[in-house]
N, C-alpha and C. Protein backbone atom coordinates (compact mmCIF):
# COMPACT_ATOMS: atom_id res chain seq x y z
N MET A 1 -5.41 -3.55 15.97
CA MET A 1 -5.75 -3.97 14.63
C MET A 1 -6.37 -2.79 13.88
N ALA A 2 -5.86 -2.49 12.72
CA ALA A 2 -6.36 -1.38 11.92
C ALA A 2 -7.59 -1.81 11.12
N ASP A 3 -8.45 -0.87 10.84
CA ASP A 3 -9.62 -1.12 10.01
C ASP A 3 -9.20 -0.87 8.56
N TRP A 4 -8.79 -1.90 7.86
CA TRP A 4 -8.26 -1.77 6.51
C TRP A 4 -9.38 -1.62 5.49
N GLN A 5 -9.15 -0.71 4.52
CA GLN A 5 -10.12 -0.49 3.46
C GLN A 5 -9.39 -0.33 2.13
N LYS A 6 -10.13 -0.52 1.05
CA LYS A 6 -9.58 -0.33 -0.28
C LYS A 6 -9.01 1.08 -0.39
N GLY A 7 -7.79 1.18 -0.94
CA GLY A 7 -7.13 2.47 -1.10
C GLY A 7 -6.16 2.81 0.01
N ASP A 8 -6.22 2.09 1.15
CA ASP A 8 -5.26 2.33 2.22
C ASP A 8 -3.85 1.98 1.75
N LEU A 9 -2.86 2.62 2.34
CA LEU A 9 -1.46 2.31 2.06
C LEU A 9 -0.90 1.49 3.21
N ALA A 10 -0.23 0.40 2.87
CA ALA A 10 0.30 -0.53 3.88
C ALA A 10 1.82 -0.59 3.78
N LEU A 11 2.50 -0.30 4.88
CA LEU A 11 3.95 -0.37 4.97
C LEU A 11 4.34 -1.75 5.48
N SER A 12 5.15 -2.47 4.70
CA SER A 12 5.59 -3.79 5.11
C SER A 12 6.62 -3.65 6.23
N THR A 13 6.39 -4.33 7.34
CA THR A 13 7.28 -4.24 8.50
C THR A 13 7.97 -5.56 8.80
N HIS A 14 7.95 -6.47 7.83
CA HIS A 14 8.40 -7.84 8.08
C HIS A 14 9.37 -8.30 7.00
N ASN A 15 10.40 -9.04 7.40
CA ASN A 15 11.27 -9.72 6.44
C ASN A 15 10.67 -11.09 6.19
N TRP A 16 10.16 -11.31 5.01
CA TRP A 16 9.33 -12.47 4.71
C TRP A 16 10.12 -13.73 4.46
N GLU A 17 9.69 -14.80 5.09
CA GLU A 17 10.13 -16.14 4.71
C GLU A 17 9.04 -16.75 3.83
N GLN A 18 7.79 -16.38 4.11
CA GLN A 18 6.66 -16.84 3.30
C GLN A 18 6.75 -16.12 1.95
N ARG A 19 6.50 -16.84 0.88
CA ARG A 19 6.50 -16.26 -0.46
C ARG A 19 5.19 -16.60 -1.15
N ASP A 20 4.83 -15.82 -2.16
CA ASP A 20 3.64 -16.17 -2.92
C ASP A 20 3.99 -17.24 -3.93
N ARG A 21 3.05 -17.62 -4.76
CA ARG A 21 3.28 -18.72 -5.70
C ARG A 21 4.37 -18.41 -6.72
N ASN A 22 4.73 -17.14 -6.88
CA ASN A 22 5.80 -16.76 -7.80
C ASN A 22 7.15 -16.66 -7.10
N GLY A 23 7.18 -16.98 -5.80
CA GLY A 23 8.44 -16.92 -5.05
C GLY A 23 8.85 -15.53 -4.63
N THR A 24 7.90 -14.59 -4.60
CA THR A 24 8.20 -13.21 -4.21
C THR A 24 7.40 -12.83 -2.98
N ALA A 25 7.80 -11.72 -2.36
CA ALA A 25 7.09 -11.21 -1.19
C ALA A 25 7.39 -9.72 -1.07
N PRO A 26 6.54 -8.96 -0.37
CA PRO A 26 6.80 -7.53 -0.18
C PRO A 26 8.10 -7.30 0.58
N ASP A 27 8.90 -6.36 0.13
CA ASP A 27 10.14 -6.01 0.83
C ASP A 27 9.81 -5.22 2.09
N ALA A 28 10.58 -5.45 3.15
CA ALA A 28 10.42 -4.65 4.36
C ALA A 28 10.65 -3.19 3.99
N GLY A 29 9.75 -2.32 4.42
CA GLY A 29 9.86 -0.90 4.12
C GLY A 29 9.11 -0.47 2.87
N ALA A 30 8.64 -1.43 2.07
CA ALA A 30 7.89 -1.11 0.86
C ALA A 30 6.45 -0.75 1.22
N VAL A 31 5.86 0.12 0.43
CA VAL A 31 4.49 0.55 0.63
C VAL A 31 3.64 0.02 -0.52
N HIS A 32 2.49 -0.56 -0.20
CA HIS A 32 1.60 -1.14 -1.20
C HIS A 32 0.19 -0.63 -0.97
N GLU A 33 -0.58 -0.51 -2.06
CA GLU A 33 -1.96 -0.06 -1.96
C GLU A 33 -2.89 -1.25 -1.79
N VAL A 34 -3.75 -1.17 -0.80
CA VAL A 34 -4.71 -2.23 -0.51
C VAL A 34 -5.86 -2.15 -1.52
N VAL A 35 -6.16 -3.28 -2.16
CA VAL A 35 -7.32 -3.32 -3.07
C VAL A 35 -8.48 -4.07 -2.43
N ALA A 36 -8.20 -4.86 -1.40
CA ALA A 36 -9.25 -5.57 -0.68
C ALA A 36 -8.67 -6.10 0.63
N SER A 37 -9.56 -6.36 1.58
CA SER A 37 -9.16 -6.99 2.84
C SER A 37 -10.30 -7.86 3.32
N TYR A 38 -9.96 -8.83 4.14
CA TYR A 38 -10.99 -9.69 4.72
C TYR A 38 -10.48 -10.25 6.04
N THR A 39 -11.40 -10.68 6.86
CA THR A 39 -11.07 -11.28 8.14
C THR A 39 -11.74 -12.66 8.21
N ASP A 40 -10.96 -13.64 8.66
CA ASP A 40 -11.52 -14.98 8.88
C ASP A 40 -11.03 -15.48 10.24
N ASP A 41 -11.15 -16.76 10.51
CA ASP A 41 -10.76 -17.31 11.81
C ASP A 41 -9.26 -17.16 12.09
N CYS A 42 -8.46 -16.99 11.04
CA CYS A 42 -7.00 -16.89 11.20
C CYS A 42 -6.52 -15.45 11.34
N GLY A 43 -7.39 -14.47 11.16
CA GLY A 43 -7.00 -13.08 11.28
C GLY A 43 -7.45 -12.24 10.10
N THR A 44 -6.83 -11.05 9.98
CA THR A 44 -7.14 -10.13 8.89
C THR A 44 -6.07 -10.25 7.83
N PHE A 45 -6.49 -10.25 6.57
CA PHE A 45 -5.57 -10.39 5.44
C PHE A 45 -5.79 -9.26 4.46
N LEU A 46 -4.69 -8.87 3.79
CA LEU A 46 -4.71 -7.78 2.81
C LEU A 46 -4.39 -8.32 1.43
N ILE A 47 -5.00 -7.74 0.42
CA ILE A 47 -4.70 -8.05 -0.96
C ILE A 47 -4.26 -6.74 -1.62
N PHE A 48 -3.13 -6.79 -2.32
CA PHE A 48 -2.55 -5.60 -2.94
C PHE A 48 -2.69 -5.66 -4.45
N GLY A 49 -2.79 -4.50 -5.10
CA GLY A 49 -2.90 -4.45 -6.54
C GLY A 49 -1.68 -4.99 -7.24
N ASP A 50 -0.49 -4.82 -6.64
CA ASP A 50 0.73 -5.31 -7.27
C ASP A 50 1.08 -6.74 -6.85
N TRP A 51 0.25 -7.36 -6.03
CA TRP A 51 0.37 -8.77 -5.64
C TRP A 51 -1.02 -9.39 -5.73
N PRO A 52 -1.59 -9.48 -6.93
CA PRO A 52 -3.01 -9.82 -7.05
C PRO A 52 -3.39 -11.25 -6.67
N HIS A 53 -2.45 -12.17 -6.60
CA HIS A 53 -2.81 -13.55 -6.32
C HIS A 53 -2.36 -14.01 -4.93
N SER A 54 -2.11 -13.07 -4.04
CA SER A 54 -1.64 -13.43 -2.70
C SER A 54 -2.37 -12.62 -1.65
N ASP A 55 -2.63 -13.27 -0.53
CA ASP A 55 -3.21 -12.62 0.63
C ASP A 55 -2.11 -12.53 1.68
N TRP A 56 -1.94 -11.35 2.27
CA TRP A 56 -0.87 -11.14 3.23
C TRP A 56 -1.47 -10.80 4.58
N ARG A 57 -0.94 -11.41 5.62
CA ARG A 57 -1.42 -11.20 6.99
C ARG A 57 -1.23 -9.72 7.37
N ALA A 58 -2.32 -9.06 7.76
CA ALA A 58 -2.31 -7.63 8.05
C ALA A 58 -1.40 -7.28 9.22
N SER A 59 -1.16 -8.21 10.12
CA SER A 59 -0.33 -7.91 11.29
C SER A 59 1.12 -7.62 10.91
N PHE A 60 1.51 -7.93 9.67
CA PHE A 60 2.87 -7.65 9.21
C PHE A 60 2.97 -6.33 8.46
N PHE A 61 1.91 -5.51 8.54
CA PHE A 61 1.87 -4.22 7.86
C PHE A 61 1.37 -3.15 8.81
N ARG A 62 1.76 -1.92 8.54
CA ARG A 62 1.29 -0.78 9.31
C ARG A 62 0.64 0.19 8.33
N LYS A 63 -0.54 0.66 8.68
CA LYS A 63 -1.23 1.63 7.82
C LYS A 63 -0.49 2.96 7.87
N VAL A 64 -0.24 3.54 6.70
CA VAL A 64 0.44 4.83 6.63
C VAL A 64 -0.44 5.82 5.89
N THR A 65 -0.31 7.08 6.28
CA THR A 65 -1.05 8.16 5.63
C THR A 65 -0.04 9.16 5.11
N PRO A 66 -0.02 9.39 3.79
CA PRO A 66 0.94 10.36 3.26
C PRO A 66 0.58 11.77 3.70
N PRO A 67 1.57 12.64 3.80
CA PRO A 67 1.28 14.03 4.17
C PRO A 67 0.50 14.71 3.04
N LYS A 68 -0.21 15.78 3.38
CA LYS A 68 -0.95 16.53 2.37
C LYS A 68 0.05 17.20 1.43
N ALA A 69 -0.37 17.36 0.18
CA ALA A 69 0.48 18.00 -0.81
C ALA A 69 0.71 19.46 -0.46
N ASP A 70 1.98 19.90 -0.54
CA ASP A 70 2.27 21.31 -0.32
C ASP A 70 2.25 22.01 -1.69
N LYS A 71 2.63 23.30 -1.73
CA LYS A 71 2.57 24.08 -2.97
C LYS A 71 3.43 23.45 -4.06
N PHE A 72 4.65 23.03 -3.73
CA PHE A 72 5.53 22.42 -4.72
C PHE A 72 4.92 21.12 -5.26
N ASP A 73 4.39 20.29 -4.37
CA ASP A 73 3.75 19.04 -4.80
C ASP A 73 2.60 19.33 -5.75
N ARG A 74 1.78 20.36 -5.42
CA ARG A 74 0.64 20.70 -6.28
C ARG A 74 1.12 21.10 -7.67
N GLU A 75 2.22 21.89 -7.74
CA GLU A 75 2.75 22.32 -9.04
C GLU A 75 3.22 21.12 -9.85
N VAL A 76 3.90 20.19 -9.19
CA VAL A 76 4.38 18.98 -9.90
C VAL A 76 3.20 18.16 -10.39
N ILE A 77 2.19 18.00 -9.56
CA ILE A 77 1.00 17.24 -9.95
C ILE A 77 0.31 17.92 -11.13
N ASP A 78 0.19 19.26 -11.07
CA ASP A 78 -0.43 19.98 -12.18
C ASP A 78 0.37 19.80 -13.46
N LEU A 79 1.70 19.89 -13.38
CA LEU A 79 2.53 19.69 -14.57
C LEU A 79 2.36 18.28 -15.12
N MET A 80 2.30 17.30 -14.24
CA MET A 80 2.11 15.92 -14.68
C MET A 80 0.75 15.74 -15.37
N ASN A 81 -0.22 16.53 -14.93
CA ASN A 81 -1.55 16.49 -15.54
C ASN A 81 -1.66 17.47 -16.71
N ARG A 82 -0.53 18.02 -17.12
CA ARG A 82 -0.44 18.95 -18.26
C ARG A 82 -1.24 20.22 -18.08
N LYS A 83 -1.31 20.70 -16.85
CA LYS A 83 -1.95 21.98 -16.60
C LYS A 83 -0.87 23.05 -16.59
N THR A 84 -1.22 24.27 -16.95
CA THR A 84 -0.24 25.34 -16.94
C THR A 84 0.01 25.79 -15.50
N VAL A 85 1.26 26.15 -15.23
CA VAL A 85 1.68 26.57 -13.90
C VAL A 85 2.31 27.95 -14.03
N GLU A 86 1.93 28.86 -13.12
CA GLU A 86 2.52 30.21 -13.15
C GLU A 86 4.00 30.15 -12.88
N ALA A 87 4.78 30.97 -13.58
CA ALA A 87 6.23 31.00 -13.41
C ALA A 87 6.61 31.85 -12.24
C-alpha cells in the first residue's frame, strides 16, 4: 500500500465497471493528480482534481513519479513561461 499524498500522480490500472454519479470513470492507463486521500475500514481512497465528486479505491492505482526535466524540457517550460531561451 502506497502512502498517498496531495500532489501524487496515480496511474489507473483497472478497467472500471464502477462509475461515478456522472457515469464516468478513469480510463486504464490514464494518470490523475491526487488532491486528497483517506483511509477507513474499507481501505484507502483517492480523490482527484478532475473527478471532484468521486472517491476511488487506491488499490486500483499505482503511484508514478515523472522523470526529472532534461535540458529540452527546461527550454520548453521556460518558453511556456515566456522566458527568453538562448538560441
